[in-house]
């Protein structure tokens, strides 16, 4: 249940081993929160999505999923730089940072204008050295109840550099740093700086997500015999007299619940036999992250010559990053080429509900902040725009890590998968969805006595592990 990354991963793992799989997706397309869909702008059909997504090189299991239809990952292309711009004018980059730990973090600090010798002298070295001694999953539990911002306080992390840690990582989870888990922040430090050799460089889909990724994968699953049913929401699970389960009148041996958090909670609420009281209470008590905004505008003017494909921002009000889609997707590039314009996208994360509800004011502020960065865009005529406000991402909060529901549930016939599911590995976001989807499929394969594919992860221990 769920045709996003987690559900697609589980379906692949099972179908490739000969298991009969039916995939139920509530919407009319695959991809979940990484879906795309057609829109018409100025008489031309183009694509829209929920915004830019970075396919980091450490996304081993997600990339393995994509290799099913694209063995050399030719439908991903590298982004040369990932600059971060502070309102002070300081600009950080990851392009020329060494990628081998620990030289990666040392090289970044040495070249970053956000770190000064005076600031570094104040850092709590003893606490900072703890970043080199991580051991997952224990580290998640060691930092229970501590927020990302409090953790940086404990390090005496330089104020001038806080935006690097918080904007790059906490905001990626659509969370306010005061509500975002310190354990997850440390896992991200480990994954990108201290525990892998891929650094913070990433790839992007060469075209809209449906064209480049999910349509080919859907065709691959169909070729394996998977019955894909779109526009098929599920409201509850029912036990059958034979000991199996009934899902939308389908008799099945097992279910992978790979939905967003709110639909998952509704299904569990409507299935009172599923799980014990403690497990149900923990799952039903999980929260979603605050609203986030994606605002895409098709403009008649070209992008500035020096505009980065993706720019992270700090100190520009609610504006968290800016993308120029014609530098990322071939469909957007075709639109821009034919019109002489550009396709710019603005993101605002962890937006207070009252601000998200006041569209006119929020758009005014976002546009003003964008023009502080790229004044020339003010001369462009708006040929089309799409405005999305969503509040459906799981909050990775300050609750006890070990109490979060994981892949395995109290009922051996039901497993969970998704980016909001507890995972012992230092993975997150799209990679956690792919990883837990793989683990969910492996759970049933083990029950059938069938070997499952390998799951890859950054090292579970610190530098030198």
Protein backbone atom coordinates (compact mmCIF):
# COMPACT_ATOMS: atom_id res chain seq x y z
CA UNK A 1 0.00 0.00 0.00
CA UNK A 2 1.65 3.16 -1.28
CA UNK A 3 3.31 3.80 -4.63
CA UNK A 4 6.09 6.05 -3.39
CA UNK A 5 9.76 5.12 -3.04
CA UNK A 6 9.17 2.79 -0.08
CA UNK A 7 6.31 0.90 -1.73
CA UNK A 8 8.13 0.63 -5.05
CA UNK A 9 11.23 -0.69 -3.29
CA UNK A 10 9.27 -3.36 -1.43
CA UNK A 11 7.40 -4.35 -4.59
CA UNK A 12 10.68 -4.78 -6.51
CA UNK A 13 12.31 -6.88 -3.80
CA UNK A 14 9.29 -9.20 -3.60
CA UNK A 15 8.37 -9.45 -7.28
CA UNK A 16 11.94 -10.17 -8.35
CA UNK A 17 11.86 -13.27 -6.15
CA UNK A 18 8.59 -14.51 -7.62
CA UNK A 19 6.15 -13.24 -5.00
CA UNK A 20 2.75 -12.17 -6.34
CA UNK A 21 2.38 -8.47 -5.58
CA UNK A 22 -0.50 -6.03 -5.85
CA UNK A 23 0.48 -2.39 -5.41
CA UNK A 24 -2.30 -0.03 -4.31
CA UNK A 25 -1.70 3.71 -4.69
CA UNK A 26 -4.28 6.24 -3.52
CA UNK A 27 -3.47 8.86 -6.17
CA UNK A 28 -3.44 8.60 -9.96
CA UNK A 29 0.38 8.41 -10.23
CA UNK A 30 3.46 6.71 -8.83
CA UNK A 31 6.20 8.48 -6.91
CA UNK A 32 4.47 9.51 -3.69
CA UNK A 33 5.91 12.80 -2.48
CA UNK A 34 8.44 12.64 -5.33
CA UNK A 35 5.78 12.46 -8.05
CA UNK A 36 5.35 14.86 -10.96
CA UNK A 37 2.35 15.71 -13.08
CA UNK A 38 1.57 17.68 -16.26
CA UNK A 39 0.56 21.34 -16.27
CA UNK A 40 -0.02 23.76 -19.13
CA UNK A 41 1.89 27.05 -19.16
CA UNK A 42 1.41 29.60 -21.91
CA UNK A 43 -0.16 26.95 -24.13
CA UNK A 44 2.70 24.46 -23.68
CA UNK A 45 2.52 21.27 -21.64
CA UNK A 46 5.26 20.98 -19.05
CA UNK A 47 5.64 19.34 -15.63
CA UNK A 48 5.15 20.28 -12.00
CA UNK A 49 6.23 18.54 -8.80
CA UNK A 50 6.57 19.20 -5.10
CA UNK A 51 9.99 20.63 -5.76
CA UNK A 52 13.66 19.94 -6.14
CA UNK A 53 15.08 16.66 -4.79
CA UNK A 54 18.77 15.85 -4.45
CA UNK A 55 19.86 12.27 -5.16
CA UNK A 56 22.97 12.13 -3.00
CA UNK A 57 25.72 9.66 -3.84
CA UNK A 58 25.20 7.98 -0.43
CA UNK A 59 21.65 7.00 -1.41
CA UNK A 60 22.89 3.47 -2.13
CA UNK A 61 19.55 1.67 -1.85
CA UNK A 62 17.55 4.30 -3.73
CA UNK A 63 20.11 4.26 -6.51
CA UNK A 64 19.92 0.46 -6.57
CA UNK A 65 16.16 0.79 -7.05
CA UNK A 66 16.65 3.17 -9.98
CA UNK A 67 19.24 0.87 -11.56
CA UNK A 68 16.45 -1.64 -12.21
CA UNK A 69 15.53 0.40 -15.30
CA UNK A 70 18.64 2.56 -15.67
CA UNK A 71 21.73 0.40 -14.96
CA UNK A 72 24.29 3.19 -15.39
CA UNK A 73 22.01 5.86 -13.87
CA UNK A 74 22.12 7.86 -17.09
CA UNK A 75 18.79 9.47 -16.18
CA UNK A 76 20.50 11.19 -13.27
CA UNK A 77 22.93 14.03 -13.90
CA UNK A 78 25.39 15.68 -11.53
CA UNK A 79 24.92 19.17 -10.15
CA UNK A 80 28.31 20.84 -10.18
CA UNK A 81 27.84 22.92 -7.04
CA UNK A 82 25.56 23.27 -4.04
CA UNK A 83 26.21 26.83 -2.84
CA UNK A 84 24.80 28.24 0.37
CA UNK A 85 24.28 31.99 0.53
CA UNK A 86 23.91 33.88 3.79
CA UNK A 87 22.28 37.30 3.96
CA UNK A 88 25.63 38.64 5.14
CA UNK A 89 27.03 37.82 1.71
CA UNK A 90 29.06 34.80 2.86
CA UNK A 91 28.88 32.00 0.30
CA UNK A 92 29.82 28.40 0.99
CA UNK A 93 30.40 25.67 -1.57
CA UNK A 94 30.98 21.92 -1.45
CA UNK A 95 32.45 21.45 -4.93
CA UNK A 96 36.13 21.49 -4.05
CA UNK A 97 35.90 19.94 -0.59
CA UNK A 98 37.91 16.70 -0.21
CA UNK A 99 35.63 13.70 0.03
CA UNK A 100 37.71 11.32 2.17
CA UNK A 101 37.04 11.52 5.94
CA UNK A 102 38.29 13.26 8.00
CA UNK A 103 39.83 15.51 5.37
CA UNK A 104 36.34 16.28 4.11
CA UNK A 105 35.24 18.14 7.22
CA UNK A 106 38.68 19.66 7.78
CA UNK A 107 38.86 20.86 4.20
CA UNK A 108 35.39 22.32 4.34
CA UNK A 109 36.07 24.23 7.55
CA UNK A 110 39.38 25.50 6.18
CA UNK A 111 37.85 26.95 3.02
CA UNK A 112 34.51 28.11 4.41
CA UNK A 113 34.05 31.83 5.12
CA UNK A 114 31.54 30.85 7.79
CA UNK A 115 34.29 29.55 10.10
CA UNK A 116 36.86 31.97 11.55
CA UNK A 117 39.86 31.11 13.72
CA UNK A 118 38.32 33.07 16.59
CA UNK A 119 35.09 31.07 16.31
CA UNK A 120 36.90 27.75 16.06
CA UNK A 121 38.90 28.51 19.19
CA UNK A 122 35.64 28.60 21.16
CA UNK A 123 34.37 25.22 19.97
CA UNK A 124 33.93 22.60 22.69
CA UNK A 125 36.53 20.19 21.32
CA UNK A 126 35.64 17.38 23.73
CA UNK A 127 32.01 17.40 22.63
CA UNK A 128 32.95 17.83 18.98
CA UNK A 129 35.18 14.76 19.12
CA UNK A 130 32.07 12.76 19.91
CA UNK A 131 31.16 13.15 16.25
CA UNK A 132 34.11 10.87 15.46
CA UNK A 133 32.96 8.18 17.90
CA UNK A 134 29.41 7.58 16.75
CA UNK A 135 27.96 4.09 16.79
CA UNK A 136 24.56 3.55 15.24
CA UNK A 137 21.90 2.89 16.28
CA UNK A 138 23.12 3.61 19.85
CA UNK A 139 23.93 7.23 18.94
CA UNK A 140 20.28 7.87 18.09
CA UNK A 141 19.27 6.83 21.62
CA UNK A 142 22.19 8.63 23.27
CA UNK A 143 20.78 11.92 22.01
CA UNK A 144 17.14 11.24 22.89
CA UNK A 145 15.24 14.39 23.78
CA UNK A 146 17.91 16.79 22.48
CA UNK A 147 17.13 19.12 19.60
CA UNK A 148 19.48 19.96 16.74
CA UNK A 149 19.81 23.54 17.93
CA UNK A 150 20.58 22.43 21.51
CA UNK A 151 23.22 20.04 20.23
CA UNK A 152 24.96 22.85 18.36
CA UNK A 153 24.79 24.93 21.53
CA UNK A 154 26.60 22.14 23.40
CA UNK A 155 29.41 22.33 20.83
CA UNK A 156 29.65 26.12 21.03
CA UNK A 157 29.15 25.87 17.29
CA UNK A 158 30.03 29.20 15.62
CA UNK A 159 26.99 31.38 15.18
CA UNK A 160 28.21 32.39 11.74
CA UNK A 161 28.19 28.74 10.66
CA UNK A 162 24.96 27.53 12.26
CA UNK A 163 23.08 28.05 9.02
CA UNK A 164 25.29 25.41 7.40
CA UNK A 165 24.24 22.71 9.82
CA UNK A 166 20.66 23.79 10.27
CA UNK A 167 19.78 24.91 6.76
CA UNK A 168 21.42 21.93 5.05
CA UNK A 169 20.12 19.25 7.40
CA UNK A 170 17.25 20.31 9.66
CA UNK A 171 15.47 22.17 6.88
CA UNK A 172 15.81 19.13 4.63
CA UNK A 173 13.38 17.45 7.04
CA UNK A 174 11.01 20.44 6.83
CA UNK A 175 11.52 20.88 10.56
CA UNK A 176 12.29 23.76 12.88
CA UNK A 177 15.76 23.18 14.42
CA UNK A 178 14.27 23.39 17.92
CA UNK A 179 11.98 20.45 17.10
CA UNK A 180 14.39 18.38 15.04
CA UNK A 181 16.24 15.40 16.53
CA UNK A 182 19.90 15.91 17.41
CA UNK A 183 20.46 12.21 16.72
CA UNK A 184 19.29 12.68 13.15
CA UNK A 185 21.52 15.75 12.77
CA UNK A 186 24.56 13.78 13.96
CA UNK A 187 23.65 10.96 11.57
CA UNK A 188 23.70 13.46 8.72
CA UNK A 189 27.09 14.86 9.81
CA UNK A 190 28.35 11.29 9.83
CA UNK A 191 26.85 10.31 6.50
CA UNK A 192 28.00 13.32 4.52
CA UNK A 193 31.22 14.44 6.21
CA UNK A 194 32.70 11.79 8.49
CA UNK A 195 31.49 8.37 7.44
CA UNK A 196 31.50 8.23 3.65
CA UNK A 197 33.63 9.28 0.72
CA UNK A 198 30.89 10.78 -1.45
CA UNK A 199 30.65 14.17 0.25
CA UNK A 200 27.68 16.51 -0.21
CA UNK A 201 27.60 16.41 -3.99
CA UNK A 202 24.50 15.00 -5.61
CA UNK A 203 22.67 14.22 -8.83
CA UNK A 204 19.24 15.27 -10.04
CA UNK A 205 16.72 13.65 -12.36
CA UNK A 206 17.36 14.75 -15.94
CA UNK A 207 13.65 15.25 -16.54
CA UNK A 208 10.47 15.36 -14.50
CA UNK A 209 10.25 12.52 -12.00
CA UNK A 210 7.50 10.58 -13.76
CA UNK A 211 9.28 10.60 -17.13
CA UNK A 212 12.77 9.92 -15.81
CA UNK A 213 12.08 7.58 -12.89
CA UNK A 214 8.64 6.27 -12.05
CA UNK A 215 7.06 5.51 -15.41
CA UNK A 216 9.98 3.22 -16.37
CA UNK A 217 9.92 1.59 -12.93
CA UNK A 218 6.16 1.04 -13.14
CA UNK A 219 6.61 -0.66 -16.52
CA UNK A 220 9.38 -2.83 -15.04
CA UNK A 221 7.16 -3.94 -12.16
CA UNK A 222 4.32 -4.72 -14.55
CA UNK A 223 6.71 -6.90 -16.55
CA UNK A 224 7.37 -8.86 -13.34
CA UNK A 225 3.65 -9.46 -12.92
CA UNK A 226 2.95 -6.75 -10.34
CA UNK A 227 -0.67 -5.62 -10.44
CA UNK A 228 -0.44 -1.81 -10.08
CA UNK A 229 -3.75 -0.20 -9.14
CA UNK A 230 -3.78 3.59 -9.10
CA UNK A 231 -6.54 5.68 -7.54
CA UNK A 232 -7.06 2.86 -5.03
CA UNK A 233 -7.08 4.28 -1.50
CA UNK A 234 -7.26 1.89 1.44
CA UNK A 235 -9.08 2.77 4.64
CA UNK A 236 -8.55 -0.33 6.79
CA UNK A 237 -7.25 -3.89 7.01
CA UNK A 238 -9.46 -6.84 7.89
CA UNK A 239 -8.54 -10.29 9.17
CA UNK A 240 -9.93 -13.14 7.08
CA UNK A 241 -11.28 -16.42 8.45
CA UNK A 242 -8.34 -18.28 6.87
CA UNK A 243 -5.77 -16.33 8.88
CA UNK A 244 -4.78 -13.98 6.08
CA UNK A 245 -5.83 -10.39 5.51
CA UNK A 246 -8.38 -8.62 3.36
CA UNK A 247 -7.45 -5.32 1.68
CA UNK A 248 -10.10 -3.74 -0.53
CA UNK A 249 -11.62 -7.25 -0.89
CA UNK A 250 -8.21 -8.69 -1.89
CA UNK A 251 -7.17 -11.77 0.05
CA UNK A 252 -3.45 -11.45 0.85
CA UNK A 253 -0.81 -13.14 2.99
CA UNK A 254 0.91 -9.94 4.05
CA UNK A 255 0.81 -6.16 3.76
CA UNK A 256 3.51 -3.52 3.44
CA UNK A 257 2.09 -0.25 4.76
CA UNK A 258 4.18 2.27 2.82
CA UNK A 259 1.91 5.29 3.11
CA UNK A 260 2.45 8.79 4.46
CA UNK A 261 2.13 9.19 8.22
CA UNK A 262 -1.45 10.52 8.40
CA UNK A 263 -2.94 7.82 6.12
CA UNK A 264 -1.01 5.20 8.09
CA UNK A 265 -2.52 6.45 11.33
CA UNK A 266 -6.01 6.43 9.84
CA UNK A 267 -5.60 2.84 8.62
CA UNK A 268 -4.31 1.67 12.00
CA UNK A 269 -7.11 3.51 13.81
CA UNK A 270 -9.65 1.75 11.58
CA UNK A 271 -8.01 -1.66 12.18
CA UNK A 272 -8.37 -2.10 15.96
CA UNK A 273 -7.06 -5.69 15.89
CA UNK A 274 -3.65 -4.60 14.54
CA UNK A 275 -0.84 -4.47 17.09
CA UNK A 276 -0.88 -4.11 20.84
CA UNK A 277 -1.92 -1.04 22.83
CA UNK A 278 1.61 0.25 23.37
CA UNK A 279 2.55 0.01 19.69
CA UNK A 280 -0.72 1.59 18.55
CA UNK A 281 -0.33 4.43 21.03
CA UNK A 282 3.20 5.21 19.87
CA UNK A 283 2.26 5.13 16.21
CA UNK A 284 -0.89 7.19 16.60
CA UNK A 285 1.01 9.78 18.64
CA UNK A 286 3.56 10.55 15.91
CA UNK A 287 3.45 14.05 14.44
CA UNK A 288 3.90 15.56 11.00
CA UNK A 289 6.29 18.39 10.22
CA UNK A 290 5.03 21.97 9.82
CA UNK A 291 3.75 23.15 6.43
CA UNK A 292 6.16 23.86 3.61
CA UNK A 293 5.66 25.90 0.47
CA UNK A 294 6.76 25.34 -3.13
CA UNK A 295 6.25 28.28 -5.47
CA UNK A 296 7.23 27.78 -9.11
CA UNK A 297 7.04 30.65 -11.61
CA UNK A 298 7.55 30.56 -15.35
CA UNK A 299 9.04 33.95 -16.30
CA UNK A 300 9.60 35.65 -19.64
CA UNK A 301 13.14 36.74 -18.74
CA UNK A 302 16.23 34.48 -18.62
CA UNK A 303 17.90 33.51 -15.38
CA UNK A 304 20.95 35.55 -14.38
CA UNK A 305 24.10 34.22 -16.01
CA UNK A 306 25.65 33.39 -12.64
CA UNK A 307 22.55 31.77 -11.14
CA UNK A 308 23.17 28.36 -9.57
CA UNK A 309 20.85 25.52 -10.45
CA UNK A 310 20.18 25.13 -6.73
CA UNK A 311 20.97 27.68 -4.04
CA UNK A 312 20.44 27.24 -0.32
CA UNK A 313 19.77 30.48 1.53
CA UNK A 314 19.98 31.72 5.11
CA UNK A 315 18.74 35.01 6.51
CA UNK A 316 16.39 35.74 3.61
CA UNK A 317 13.19 35.63 5.62
CA UNK A 318 11.12 32.52 4.88
CA UNK A 319 13.06 31.77 1.66
CA UNK A 320 15.07 28.58 2.20
CA UNK A 321 16.28 27.81 -1.31
CA UNK A 322 15.99 28.76 -4.96
CA UNK A 323 16.12 26.48 -8.01
CA UNK A 324 16.19 27.18 -11.73
CA UNK A 325 14.47 24.17 -13.24
CA UNK A 326 15.72 24.71 -16.80
CA UNK A 327 19.20 23.85 -15.49
CA UNK A 328 17.86 20.60 -14.03
CA UNK A 329 15.05 19.12 -16.15
CA UNK A 330 14.95 18.75 -19.92
CA UNK A 331 11.23 19.55 -20.04
CA UNK A 332 11.76 22.88 -18.26
CA UNK A 333 14.80 23.52 -20.46
CA UNK A 334 12.66 23.03 -23.57
CA UNK A 335 10.10 25.54 -22.27
CA UNK A 336 12.80 28.09 -21.43
CA UNK A 337 14.52 27.62 -24.80
CA UNK A 338 11.33 28.14 -26.76
CA UNK A 339 10.30 31.25 -24.83
CA UNK A 340 13.61 32.82 -23.82
CA UNK A 341 12.45 32.68 -20.22
CA UNK A 342 13.28 30.74 -17.08
CA UNK A 343 11.54 28.52 -14.55
CA UNK A 344 12.34 29.58 -10.99
CA UNK A 345 11.21 27.77 -7.87
CA UNK A 346 11.22 29.04 -4.29
CA UNK A 347 10.91 26.87 -1.18
CA UNK A 348 9.92 27.84 2.36
CA UNK A 349 10.18 25.18 5.07
CA UNK A 350 8.69 24.90 8.55
CA UNK A 351 6.30 27.73 7.80
CA UNK A 352 3.97 28.74 10.67
CA UNK A 353 0.42 27.67 9.83
CA UNK A 354 -0.84 31.26 10.01
CA UNK A 355 1.80 32.40 7.49
CA UNK A 356 1.05 29.49 5.15
CA UNK A 357 -2.62 30.45 5.21
CA UNK A 358 -1.89 34.05 4.17
CA UNK A 359 -0.84 33.31 0.61
CA UNK A 360 -0.78 36.92 -0.60
CA UNK A 361 1.55 38.12 2.17
CA UNK A 362 3.83 35.08 2.01
CA UNK A 363 4.19 35.40 -1.76
CA UNK A 364 5.02 39.10 -1.37
CA UNK A 365 7.79 38.37 1.10
CA UNK A 366 9.22 35.43 -0.86
CA UNK A 367 9.35 37.44 -4.06
CA UNK A 368 11.03 40.38 -2.32
CA UNK A 369 13.65 38.08 -0.84
CA UNK A 370 14.28 36.42 -4.21
CA UNK A 371 14.83 39.83 -5.80
CA UNK A 372 17.46 40.60 -3.17
CA UNK A 373 19.41 37.71 -4.65
CA UNK A 374 18.45 38.03 -8.33
CA UNK A 375 17.16 41.60 -8.98
CA UNK A 376 16.94 41.10 -12.76
CA UNK A 377 14.03 38.66 -12.34
CA UNK A 378 11.85 41.62 -11.42
CA UNK A 379 11.75 42.63 -15.08
CA UNK A 380 10.20 39.34 -16.16
CA UNK A 381 6.56 38.80 -17.00
CA UNK A 382 4.91 35.89 -15.19
CA UNK A 383 3.74 33.39 -17.83
CA UNK A 384 2.50 30.83 -15.33
CA UNK A 385 2.82 29.79 -11.71
CA UNK A 386 2.02 26.95 -9.35
CA UNK A 387 1.67 27.37 -5.58
CA UNK A 388 1.75 24.32 -3.30
CA UNK A 389 1.34 24.19 0.46
CA UNK A 390 1.76 20.74 1.95
CA UNK A 391 1.80 19.38 5.50
CA UNK A 392 2.39 15.65 5.14
CA UNK A 393 6.05 14.98 5.89
CA UNK A 394 6.90 13.02 9.06
CA UNK A 395 8.38 15.03 11.91
CA UNK A 396 11.66 13.53 13.11
CA UNK A 397 11.26 15.00 16.56
CA UNK A 398 12.53 14.70 20.11
CA UNK A 399 10.64 11.57 21.07
CA UNK A 400 12.53 8.49 22.27
CA UNK A 401 14.21 6.88 19.26
CA UNK A 402 13.72 3.26 20.34
CA UNK A 403 9.99 3.81 20.89
CA UNK A 404 9.35 4.85 17.30
CA UNK A 405 7.61 2.16 15.27
CA UNK A 406 10.04 0.35 12.99
CA UNK A 407 9.62 -1.92 9.96
CA UNK A 408 8.49 -4.94 12.00
CA UNK A 409 5.14 -4.65 13.79
CA UNK A 410 3.54 -6.85 16.49
CA UNK A 411 1.74 -8.72 13.68
CA UNK A 412 4.05 -10.76 11.44
CA UNK A 413 1.65 -10.25 8.52
CA UNK A 414 2.07 -6.46 8.50
CA UNK A 415 5.23 -4.37 8.11
CA UNK A 416 5.88 -0.64 7.74
CA UNK A 417 8.07 1.23 5.26
CA UNK A 418 8.78 4.89 4.59
CA UNK A 419 10.91 7.86 5.58
CA UNK A 420 8.99 8.18 8.86
CA UNK A 421 9.77 4.62 9.99
CA UNK A 422 12.52 3.93 12.53
CA UNK A 423 15.65 2.55 10.90
CA UNK A 424 18.82 1.40 12.68
CA UNK A 425 21.01 2.66 9.85
CA UNK A 426 22.28 6.27 9.45
CA UNK A 427 19.99 6.99 6.48
CA UNK A 428 17.26 9.57 5.96
CA UNK A 429 14.66 11.03 3.64
CA UNK A 430 14.40 9.28 0.25
CA UNK A 431 17.13 6.82 1.23
CA UNK A 432 15.30 5.82 4.40
CA UNK A 433 12.20 5.21 2.30
CA UNK A 434 14.14 2.98 -0.09
CA UNK A 435 15.99 1.21 2.73
CA UNK A 436 12.92 0.44 4.84
CA UNK A 437 11.06 -0.63 1.71
CA UNK A 438 13.87 -3.10 0.99
CA UNK A 439 13.79 -4.29 4.60
CA UNK A 440 10.01 -4.70 4.47
CA UNK A 441 10.29 -6.91 1.40
CA UNK A 442 13.12 -8.86 3.02
CA UNK A 443 10.90 -9.56 6.05
CA UNK A 444 8.42 -11.48 3.92
CA UNK A 445 11.10 -13.17 1.84
CA UNK A 446 12.62 -14.53 5.06
CA UNK A 447 9.20 -15.88 6.05
CA UNK A 448 9.06 -17.65 2.67
CA UNK A 449 12.60 -18.98 3.16
CA UNK A 450 13.99 -16.89 0.31
CA UNK A 451 17.23 -14.88 0.41
CA UNK A 452 16.84 -11.13 0.09
CA UNK A 453 19.09 -8.59 -1.66
CA UNK A 454 21.80 -6.74 0.22
CA UNK A 455 21.11 -3.50 2.01
CA UNK A 456 23.90 -0.94 1.85
CA UNK A 457 24.64 1.82 4.36
CA UNK A 458 27.34 4.28 5.34
CA UNK A 459 29.53 2.80 8.11
CA UNK A 460 27.72 2.26 11.40
CA UNK A 461 30.72 3.49 13.40
CA UNK A 462 32.89 6.57 13.45
CA UNK A 463 35.97 7.49 11.46
CA UNK A 464 38.08 4.45 10.74
CA UNK A 465 35.20 2.00 11.21
